[in-house]
Amino acid sequence: MKKLSVRSLCSALVIALCVWIASMVFSFSYGEWSFFIGLGLTVVLFFFNSSGGTLSKGATMQASEAGWKIQKDNELKANVGAVFYGSALFTLISFVLMLVTFL
């Protein structure tokens, strides 16, 4: 558990650094856009690390139609790791900072 926490914190710091560098290169406000970038990254990581969702069902349906056997899987399983938790942590911190800034 301690390894996961340290890796999540490190990945949140790396994401924050990457967003900060991108804000310097593309000249956008880090404080205004960091929450939305973190939210988008978290959603994308969740969907690409999950099985049984809409994307997976479409791929499974096409593959099973070729073999004339349709598989049904109704569960959504997400195999998330430290990077997902780090992006969620970055999103949460940037949301709190955005609220403090604008309120």
Protein backbone atom coordinates (compact mmCIF):
# COMPACT_ATOMS: atom_id res chain seq x y z
CA MET A 1 0.00 0.00 0.00
CA LYS A 2 2.87 2.33 0.77
CA LYS A 3 4.41 1.70 -2.67
CA LEU A 4 1.13 2.58 -4.37
CA SER A 5 0.84 5.80 -2.38
CA VAL A 6 4.39 6.88 -3.20
CA ARG A 7 3.97 6.03 -6.89
CA SER A 8 0.64 7.88 -7.03
CA LEU A 9 2.18 10.96 -5.44
CA CYS A 10 5.13 10.81 -7.86
CA SER A 11 2.83 10.45 -10.86
CA ALA A 12 0.73 13.40 -9.66
CA LEU A 13 3.90 15.49 -9.43
CA VAL A 14 4.99 14.41 -12.92
CA ILE A 15 1.56 15.28 -14.33
CA ALA A 16 1.69 18.68 -12.61
CA LEU A 17 5.15 19.31 -14.05
CA CYS A 18 4.07 18.28 -17.55
CA VAL A 19 0.99 20.53 -17.41
CA TRP A 20 3.10 23.42 -16.12
CA ILE A 21 5.64 22.99 -18.95
CA ALA A 22 2.79 22.78 -21.48
CA SER A 23 1.30 25.98 -20.03
CA MET A 24 4.61 27.73 -20.63
CA VAL A 25 5.00 26.41 -24.18
CA PHE A 26 1.41 26.98 -25.34
CA SER A 27 0.83 30.04 -23.10
CA PHE A 28 -2.37 29.16 -21.27
CA SER A 29 -3.18 29.75 -17.61
CA TYR A 30 -2.07 26.83 -15.46
CA GLY A 31 -4.57 27.65 -12.71
CA GLU A 32 -7.55 27.81 -15.03
CA TRP A 33 -6.89 24.73 -17.13
CA SER A 34 -5.14 22.28 -14.79
CA PHE A 35 -8.42 20.91 -13.40
CA PHE A 36 -9.88 20.26 -16.84
CA ILE A 37 -6.69 18.64 -18.11
CA GLY A 38 -6.52 16.45 -15.00
CA LEU A 39 -10.18 15.48 -15.34
CA GLY A 40 -9.75 14.57 -18.99
CA LEU A 41 -6.63 12.55 -18.25
CA THR A 42 -8.36 10.71 -15.42
CA VAL A 43 -11.36 9.81 -17.59
CA VAL A 44 -9.15 8.66 -20.47
CA LEU A 45 -7.00 6.53 -18.17
CA PHE A 46 -10.09 4.96 -16.62
CA PHE A 47 -11.63 4.05 -19.97
CA PHE A 48 -8.41 2.63 -21.40
CA ASN A 49 -7.74 0.57 -18.25
CA SER A 50 -11.25 -0.86 -17.97
CA SER A 51 -12.82 -3.93 -19.45
CA GLY A 52 -16.49 -4.42 -20.06
CA GLY A 53 -17.22 -0.81 -20.92
CA THR A 54 -18.59 0.62 -24.13
CA LEU A 55 -15.27 0.53 -25.97
CA SER A 56 -14.57 -3.04 -24.92
CA LYS A 57 -18.08 -4.22 -25.77
CA GLY A 58 -17.78 -2.84 -29.29
CA ALA A 59 -14.45 -4.56 -29.87
CA THR A 60 -15.69 -7.84 -28.38
CA MET A 61 -18.86 -7.72 -30.48
CA GLN A 62 -16.92 -7.26 -33.71
CA ALA A 63 -14.49 -10.04 -32.84
CA SER A 64 -17.22 -12.46 -31.79
CA GLU A 65 -19.33 -11.78 -34.88
CA ALA A 66 -16.43 -13.01 -37.00
CA GLY A 67 -16.54 -16.35 -35.15
CA TRP A 68 -20.36 -16.53 -34.99
CA LYS A 69 -20.32 -16.65 -31.21
CA ILE A 70 -21.40 -13.57 -29.27
CA GLN A 71 -19.99 -13.16 -25.78
CA LYS A 72 -21.87 -11.21 -23.17
CA ASP A 73 -20.04 -9.51 -20.32
CA ASN A 74 -22.09 -7.10 -18.25
CA GLU A 75 -19.52 -6.10 -15.65
CA LEU A 76 -17.30 -3.05 -15.82
CA LYS A 77 -13.90 -3.94 -14.40
CA ALA A 78 -11.16 -1.38 -14.11
CA ASN A 79 -7.56 -2.38 -13.56
CA VAL A 80 -6.32 1.01 -12.46
CA GLY A 81 -2.92 1.64 -11.00
CA ALA A 82 -0.70 4.33 -9.59
CA VAL A 83 -0.92 6.58 -12.64
CA PHE A 84 -4.72 6.66 -12.46
CA TYR A 85 -4.67 7.41 -8.74
CA GLY A 86 -2.02 10.07 -9.34
CA SER A 87 -4.13 11.75 -12.01
CA ALA A 88 -7.16 11.61 -9.72
CA LEU A 89 -5.06 13.18 -6.93
CA PHE A 90 -3.83 15.89 -9.32
CA THR A 91 -7.43 16.56 -10.39
CA LEU A 92 -8.62 16.82 -6.80
CA ILE A 93 -5.82 19.19 -5.76
CA SER A 94 -6.24 21.36 -8.85
CA PHE A 95 -10.01 21.52 -8.22
CA VAL A 96 -9.46 22.74 -4.67
CA LEU A 97 -6.90 25.30 -5.86
CA MET A 98 -9.27 26.47 -8.59
CA LEU A 99 -12.05 26.96 -6.03
CA VAL A 100 -9.74 28.90 -3.72
CA THR A 101 -8.54 31.05 -6.60
CA PHE A 102 -11.93 31.95 -8.01
CA LEU A 103 -13.95 32.25 -4.78
